[in-house]
Protein backbone atom coordinates (compact mmCIF):
# COMPACT_ATOMS: atom_id res chain seq x y z
CA MET A 1 127.44 111.12 130.65
CA THR A 2 125.20 108.39 132.54
CA ALA A 3 123.62 110.65 134.92
CA TYR A 4 122.62 113.07 131.75
CA ILE A 5 121.26 110.34 129.86
CA LEU A 6 119.08 108.77 132.90
CA ARG A 7 117.79 112.44 133.51
CA ARG A 8 116.55 113.00 129.82
CA ILE A 9 114.98 109.66 129.75
CA LEU A 10 113.10 110.60 133.27
CA TYR A 11 111.84 113.93 131.27
CA LEU A 12 110.48 111.62 128.70
CA ILE A 13 107.93 110.18 130.91
CA PRO A 14 105.43 112.74 131.84
CA THR A 15 106.21 113.73 128.10
CA PHE A 16 104.98 110.52 126.96
CA PHE A 17 101.78 110.55 129.25
CA GLY A 18 100.98 114.10 128.57
CA ALA A 19 101.11 113.67 124.89
CA THR A 20 99.04 110.43 124.43
CA PHE A 21 96.37 111.65 126.52
CA LEU A 22 96.35 114.96 124.64
CA ALA A 23 96.13 112.61 121.25
CA PHE A 24 93.59 110.49 122.98
CA LEU A 25 91.66 113.81 123.58
CA ILE A 26 91.72 115.20 120.29
CA ILE A 27 90.76 112.01 118.60
CA GLN A 28 87.68 111.63 120.95
CA LEU A 29 86.59 115.52 120.22
CA ALA A 30 85.63 114.12 116.84
CA PRO A 31 81.76 113.71 116.78
CA GLY A 32 80.58 110.14 116.96
CA ASP A 33 82.70 106.91 116.66
CA TYR A 34 83.01 103.82 114.37
CA LEU A 35 79.98 102.19 115.67
CA THR A 36 77.85 105.49 114.88
CA GLN A 37 78.45 104.20 111.40
CA LEU A 38 77.37 100.90 112.03
CA GLU A 39 74.16 102.33 113.12
CA LEU A 40 73.26 103.41 109.69
CA ASP A 41 73.66 99.71 108.38
CA PRO A 42 70.33 98.30 108.43
CA LYS A 43 71.58 94.70 109.00
CA VAL A 44 73.35 95.82 112.35
CA THR A 45 70.80 95.74 114.89
CA PRO A 46 70.88 98.18 118.19
CA GLU A 47 71.59 95.39 120.53
CA THR A 48 74.66 94.54 118.27
CA ILE A 49 75.67 98.14 118.45
CA ALA A 50 75.16 98.29 122.42
CA ARG A 51 77.22 94.92 123.04
CA LEU A 52 80.24 96.28 121.10
CA ARG A 53 80.00 99.61 122.66
CA VAL A 54 80.07 97.99 125.91
CA GLN A 55 83.01 95.63 124.49
CA PHE A 56 85.12 98.14 123.23
CA GLY A 57 84.41 100.28 126.47
CA LEU A 58 83.26 103.03 124.42
CA ASP A 59 80.41 103.74 126.82
CA ARG A 60 82.89 105.08 129.44
CA PRO A 61 84.12 108.29 130.14
CA ILE A 62 87.26 109.56 128.17
CA TYR A 63 89.59 109.25 130.75
CA GLU A 64 88.58 105.77 131.84
CA GLN A 65 89.04 104.86 128.06
CA TYR A 66 92.48 106.20 128.07
CA LEU A 67 93.43 104.33 131.37
CA LEU A 68 92.02 101.20 129.56
CA TRP A 69 93.70 101.90 126.59
CA MET A 70 97.03 102.85 128.43
CA ASP A 71 96.86 99.60 130.53
CA ASN A 72 96.44 97.65 127.36
CA LEU A 73 99.29 99.78 125.98
CA LEU A 74 101.69 98.76 128.68
CA HIS A 75 100.92 95.27 127.92
CA LEU A 76 102.43 95.77 124.28
CA ASN A 77 98.76 95.89 123.09
CA LEU A 78 98.16 98.72 120.77
CA GLY A 79 94.25 97.98 120.65
CA TYR A 80 91.75 96.59 118.41
CA SER A 81 91.21 97.74 114.80
CA PHE A 82 87.38 98.22 114.45
CA ALA A 83 87.34 98.32 110.57
CA PHE A 84 89.89 95.47 110.17
CA GLN A 85 88.56 93.34 113.00
CA ALA A 86 92.26 92.79 113.98
CA PRO A 87 94.78 93.76 116.41
CA VAL A 88 96.18 97.08 115.52
CA LEU A 89 99.92 96.10 115.48
CA GLU A 90 99.08 93.26 112.84
CA VAL A 91 97.35 95.70 110.80
CA ILE A 92 99.47 98.67 111.11
CA TRP A 93 102.91 96.59 110.49
CA PRO A 94 102.38 95.72 106.82
CA ARG A 95 101.95 99.09 105.61
CA VAL A 96 105.14 100.38 107.73
CA VAL A 97 107.03 97.92 105.76
CA ASN A 98 105.84 98.91 102.60
CA SER A 99 106.38 102.45 103.39
CA MET A 100 110.38 101.73 104.57
CA VAL A 101 110.62 100.14 101.20
CA ILE A 102 110.23 104.29 99.91
CA VAL A 103 111.48 106.01 103.19
CA ILE A 104 114.61 104.58 103.65
CA PRO A 105 116.32 104.85 100.27
CA SER A 106 114.90 108.24 100.03
CA THR A 107 116.64 109.28 103.41
CA LEU A 108 119.62 107.70 102.28
CA LEU A 109 119.47 109.68 98.90
CA LEU A 110 118.78 112.83 100.13
CA TYR A 111 121.77 113.06 102.66
CA LEU A 112 124.42 111.48 99.83
CA VAL A 113 123.05 114.06 97.30
CA ALA A 114 121.86 117.16 99.37
CA ILE A 115 125.09 117.67 101.87
CA PRO A 116 127.65 117.54 98.92
CA VAL A 117 125.56 119.83 96.36
CA GLY A 118 125.35 122.45 99.61
CA VAL A 119 128.99 122.18 100.07
CA TYR A 120 129.86 122.47 96.45
CA GLY A 121 127.44 125.60 96.31
CA ALA A 122 128.85 127.34 98.97
CA VAL A 123 132.61 126.59 97.82
CA ARG A 124 131.71 127.47 94.13
CA GLN A 125 129.37 130.53 95.23
CA TYR A 126 127.99 132.31 92.32
CA SER A 127 130.01 129.95 89.46
CA LEU A 128 127.87 128.49 86.90
CA GLY A 129 127.22 125.25 88.57
CA ASP A 130 126.10 126.94 91.50
CA ARG A 131 123.77 128.92 89.61
CA LEU A 132 122.20 125.89 87.93
CA LEU A 133 121.93 123.86 91.08
CA SER A 134 120.14 126.66 92.81
CA PHE A 135 117.68 127.08 89.84
CA LEU A 136 117.04 123.27 90.24
CA ALA A 137 116.88 123.68 93.85
CA TYR A 138 114.06 126.57 93.65
CA ILE A 139 111.87 124.77 91.03
CA GLY A 140 112.05 121.92 93.31
CA LEU A 141 111.12 123.71 96.45
CA SER A 142 108.11 125.38 94.41
CA VAL A 143 106.53 121.85 93.11
CA PRO A 144 104.76 119.90 95.88
CA SER A 145 105.60 116.24 96.00
CA PHE A 146 101.79 114.88 95.07
CA PHE A 147 102.09 117.49 91.79
CA LEU A 148 105.58 116.26 90.83
CA ALA A 149 104.22 112.64 91.35
CA LEU A 150 101.41 113.63 88.77
CA ILE A 151 104.02 114.94 86.59
CA ALA A 152 106.16 111.76 86.52
CA ILE A 153 103.14 109.53 86.05
CA TYR A 154 102.09 111.87 82.72
CA VAL A 155 105.76 111.77 81.59
CA LEU A 156 105.93 107.97 81.80
CA LEU A 157 102.63 107.37 80.16
CA GLN A 158 103.63 109.66 77.10
CA ILE A 159 106.83 107.41 76.92
CA LYS A 160 104.88 104.41 76.82
CA PHE A 161 102.35 106.06 74.60
CA ARG A 162 105.25 106.89 71.89
CA THR A 163 107.46 104.01 72.39
CA GLY A 164 105.20 101.01 73.54
CA THR A 165 107.45 100.61 76.60
CA LEU A 166 106.71 101.07 80.33
CA ILE A 167 110.34 102.15 81.79
CA PHE A 168 109.00 102.47 85.31
CA PRO A 169 105.53 101.41 86.95
CA VAL A 170 103.21 104.55 87.51
CA SER A 171 101.08 102.91 90.22
CA GLY A 172 100.98 99.84 92.99
CA MET A 173 103.80 97.89 94.58
CA THR A 174 104.01 94.72 92.53
CA SER A 175 103.08 93.32 89.23
CA SER A 176 100.62 90.92 88.17
CA GLY A 177 101.54 87.39 89.04
CA PHE A 178 104.00 88.55 91.93
CA GLU A 179 102.93 85.72 94.08
CA GLN A 180 104.20 83.21 91.58
CA MET A 181 107.35 84.88 90.99
CA PRO A 182 110.61 83.42 92.83
CA PRO A 183 111.83 85.38 95.84
CA LEU A 184 114.49 87.24 94.17
CA ARG A 185 112.45 87.99 91.19
CA GLN A 186 109.96 89.39 93.82
CA ILE A 187 112.71 91.90 95.26
CA LEU A 188 113.61 93.17 92.24
CA ASP A 189 109.95 93.60 91.09
CA ILE A 190 109.13 95.62 94.20
CA ALA A 191 112.20 97.90 93.61
CA TRP A 192 111.30 98.54 89.90
CA HIS A 193 108.12 99.76 91.24
CA ALA A 194 109.81 101.94 94.18
CA VAL A 195 112.01 103.85 91.84
CA VAL A 196 109.69 106.49 90.95
CA PRO A 197 108.14 107.17 94.49
CA VAL A 198 111.80 107.20 95.61
CA LEU A 199 112.96 110.05 93.16
CA VAL A 200 109.49 111.88 93.71
CA ALA A 201 109.59 111.89 97.65
CA THR A 202 113.26 112.60 97.80
CA ALA A 203 113.27 115.60 95.33
CA ASN A 204 111.71 118.32 97.45
CA ASP A 205 113.89 117.46 100.61
CA ILE A 206 117.09 117.49 98.43
CA ALA A 207 116.14 121.01 97.42
CA GLY A 208 115.59 122.44 100.80
CA LEU A 209 118.40 120.43 102.42
CA SER A 210 120.90 121.51 99.98
CA ARG A 211 119.96 125.18 100.26
CA LEU A 212 120.29 125.00 103.99
CA MET A 213 123.50 123.23 103.76
CA ARG A 214 124.96 125.91 101.35
CA GLY A 215 123.95 128.68 103.69
CA GLN A 216 125.49 126.99 106.75
CA MET A 217 128.60 126.36 104.87
CA LEU A 218 128.82 130.06 103.77
CA GLU A 219 128.17 131.40 107.45
CA VAL A 220 131.07 129.04 108.63
CA LEU A 221 133.54 130.17 105.93
CA GLY A 222 132.95 133.92 106.71
CA GLN A 223 133.80 133.08 110.19
CA ASP A 224 137.58 134.39 111.83
CA TYR A 225 138.98 131.31 112.65
CA ILE A 226 138.46 129.85 109.12
CA ARG A 227 140.08 132.92 107.89
CA THR A 228 143.02 132.15 110.52
CA ALA A 229 143.21 128.54 109.61
CA ARG A 230 143.89 129.62 105.84
CA ALA A 231 146.44 132.31 106.87
CA LYS A 232 148.17 129.46 108.85
CA GLY A 233 148.87 127.82 105.73
CA LEU A 234 146.63 124.98 106.13
CA ALA A 235 145.38 122.91 103.13
CA GLU A 236 141.95 123.97 101.77
CA ARG A 237 141.01 120.56 101.88
CA VAL A 238 141.71 120.68 106.01
CA VAL A 239 139.97 124.03 106.26
CA LEU A 240 136.79 122.95 104.36
CA TYR A 241 136.21 119.46 105.72
CA LYS A 242 137.98 119.24 109.05
CA HIS A 243 137.20 123.09 110.20
CA ALA A 244 134.35 124.23 108.56
CA PHE A 245 132.08 121.29 107.65
CA ARG A 246 131.84 119.60 111.03
CA ASN A 247 130.50 123.04 112.48
CA ALA A 248 128.34 123.56 109.46
CA VAL A 249 126.83 120.02 109.80
CA ILE A 250 125.67 120.69 113.46
CA PRO A 251 122.16 122.04 112.35
CA PHE A 252 121.64 118.70 110.66
CA VAL A 253 122.63 116.35 113.68
CA ALA A 254 119.68 118.58 115.52
CA THR A 255 117.26 117.04 112.52
CA LEU A 256 118.22 113.39 113.22
CA GLY A 257 115.61 113.14 115.89
CA GLY A 258 113.17 113.09 113.45
CA LEU A 259 114.51 110.10 111.55
CA LEU A 260 113.17 107.41 113.39
CA PRO A 261 109.34 108.76 113.02
CA SER A 262 109.74 109.24 109.41
CA LEU A 263 110.95 105.81 108.97
CA ILE A 264 107.34 104.62 109.63
CA SER A 265 105.36 107.85 108.95
CA GLY A 266 105.86 106.82 105.05
CA ALA A 267 106.30 109.05 101.94
CA GLY A 268 103.10 111.26 102.48
CA PHE A 269 100.89 112.06 99.58
CA VAL A 270 103.34 110.33 97.17
CA GLU A 271 101.79 107.11 98.12
CA VAL A 272 98.39 108.32 97.81
CA VAL A 273 98.76 109.28 94.16
CA MET A 274 100.86 106.48 93.22
CA ALA A 275 98.54 104.26 94.93
CA TRP A 276 101.58 102.70 97.12
CA PRO A 277 99.89 100.58 99.92
CA GLY A 278 101.79 102.45 102.67
CA ILE A 279 100.91 103.87 106.02
CA THR A 280 99.45 107.14 104.71
CA PRO A 281 96.62 105.80 102.80
CA PHE A 282 95.89 103.56 105.54
CA PHE A 283 96.21 106.31 108.16
CA LEU A 284 93.92 108.49 106.17
CA ASP A 285 91.27 105.52 105.82
CA ALA A 286 91.54 104.98 109.61
CA ILE A 287 90.81 108.91 109.94
CA ALA A 288 87.91 108.76 107.71
CA ASN A 289 86.44 105.55 109.46
CA GLN A 290 87.16 106.84 113.22
CA ASP A 291 89.32 103.85 113.75
CA LEU A 292 90.14 104.95 117.23
CA TYR A 293 92.65 102.82 118.35
CA VAL A 294 94.52 102.47 114.90
CA ILE A 295 94.83 106.17 114.85
CA ALA A 296 96.08 106.40 118.63
CA GLY A 297 98.40 103.46 118.02
CA PHE A 298 99.89 104.99 115.12
CA LEU A 299 100.35 108.36 116.94
CA THR A 300 101.84 106.64 119.85
CA VAL A 301 104.54 104.72 118.20
CA SER A 302 105.39 107.71 116.19
CA LEU A 303 105.97 109.77 119.42
CA VAL A 304 107.95 106.97 120.95
CA LEU A 305 110.30 106.91 117.93
CA LEU A 306 110.31 110.69 118.15
CA MET A 307 111.48 111.07 121.65
CA VAL A 308 113.94 108.29 121.12
CA GLY A 309 115.24 109.87 118.08
CA ASN A 310 115.41 113.35 120.01
CA LEU A 311 117.35 111.82 122.59
CA ILE A 312 120.01 110.40 120.27
CA SER A 313 120.02 113.73 118.69
CA ASP A 314 120.82 115.77 121.81
CA LEU A 315 123.44 113.08 122.61
CA LEU A 316 125.07 113.39 119.16
CA LEU A 317 125.08 117.05 119.35
CA ALA A 318 126.59 116.93 122.78
CA TRP A 319 129.51 115.03 121.21
CA VAL A 320 129.88 117.30 118.22
CA ASP A 321 129.51 120.57 119.84
CA PRO A 322 131.95 120.72 122.56
CA ARG A 323 129.94 123.91 123.92
CA ILE A 324 127.09 122.02 124.84
CA ARG A 325 127.93 120.35 128.53
CA TYR A 326 126.08 117.50 129.94
CA GLU A 327 125.39 119.46 132.97
């Protein structure tokens, strides 16, 4: 087991350097850089631009810039944000925390709902409940999350228009006067604002994951060893949850590697539509501004979390599936 873990960690080292260099190269392929935009500002002199270009190493070849950035990275320095005039980590971290307010409840809600719904659909195949859940799942799969967010905003505004009461906020993360609220009231205010983004961000994933779980369970329930277990007189509960469910859930264990990077990657366009100050709007702004080290730093953190997540996922797979050997 120890040798297997060490071997997997050693494999991650060349992957990390190869992936970060490729990402750095792709970022550099875009024409110009952040200082190119400053050249259009008449208030900034050419001497200032030239000094900044030398200061940040942007006048050097790409491989030297990568080595300089990697040297800083090995000292836990993700670089400097041109747009915010601050270290990248200080700029990124508050947005990551804001995104986690949506992503963590969404992930928990996803697995708590999707897996039982998938199992129910497989056990009660073609029943009224299964058909109703399948219908809702198809609707969830066909509606993009950003469009679902727009529908939610429209419905909430219509309710407010007719009743005069805003059930949940339609944008933002806090109410006016947030700074003057006591700590508990601040937490409740953020949670109130997060309800709709969490539900919208989860809806699509629940639909897809429940259909996948239903398919896996149906496939496992059709296996010979399940029929043998039933023929031996085992209780249906034991057959379903001890023999069938453990094998059906294996593909989900393989997807756990993506959970860690998803914790910091935000809720996607839901954050943009609902004006949530998470990582996605910030990352899009960084791309538009060609804020090189913010983009590279965020991609690097995501890459590290993805590699760690895949390592954990592989270990869990080897534990759950006896057909996988450490050798």
